[in-house]
Amino acid sequence: LQARGFLLCLCSRNEEPDVRSVFVRRCAEMPLKLDEHIVGMRANWRPKSENIASLAHDLCLGLDTFVFVDDNPAECAEVQAHCPGVAVLQMPSSVEAIPAFLHNAWCFDAPLRAGRSAKAPTK
């Protein structure tokens, strides 16, 4: 995705040091590297919708440019309810089904369409 122009962000309901330590401890088995692939991270106990809005502000992007992927239906519903414009995808529960799910997700098919572009930061 990064090679096709997508920016990858991470929202986690955990303590940030704990999230960072997982990337360090499991680096050999994780295809994504925190410092190489992730452009923004929010690891805290705030609602994920607030963290996405914060990332959008920091990156000067509209919410309509974000795709939120999570395996928790409650998290998906919370983001869908509070972040209009964000495409929300619920990950399948079967680990084996995840690659096909991501491969077939419409929002990753092509670069962003007109109307889904960067916006100027608000002050």
Foldseek 3Di string as FASTA:
>chain_A
DVVQPDAAAEEAAADVVVVQVCCVVCVVPDPDHCVPGHPYYHYHNDQVLVVLVVVCLVVQFAQLLAEAEEQDPVSQVVNCVRRPNHHYHHADPDPVCRVVCVVPDPSPPHPDDPVRDGHGHDD
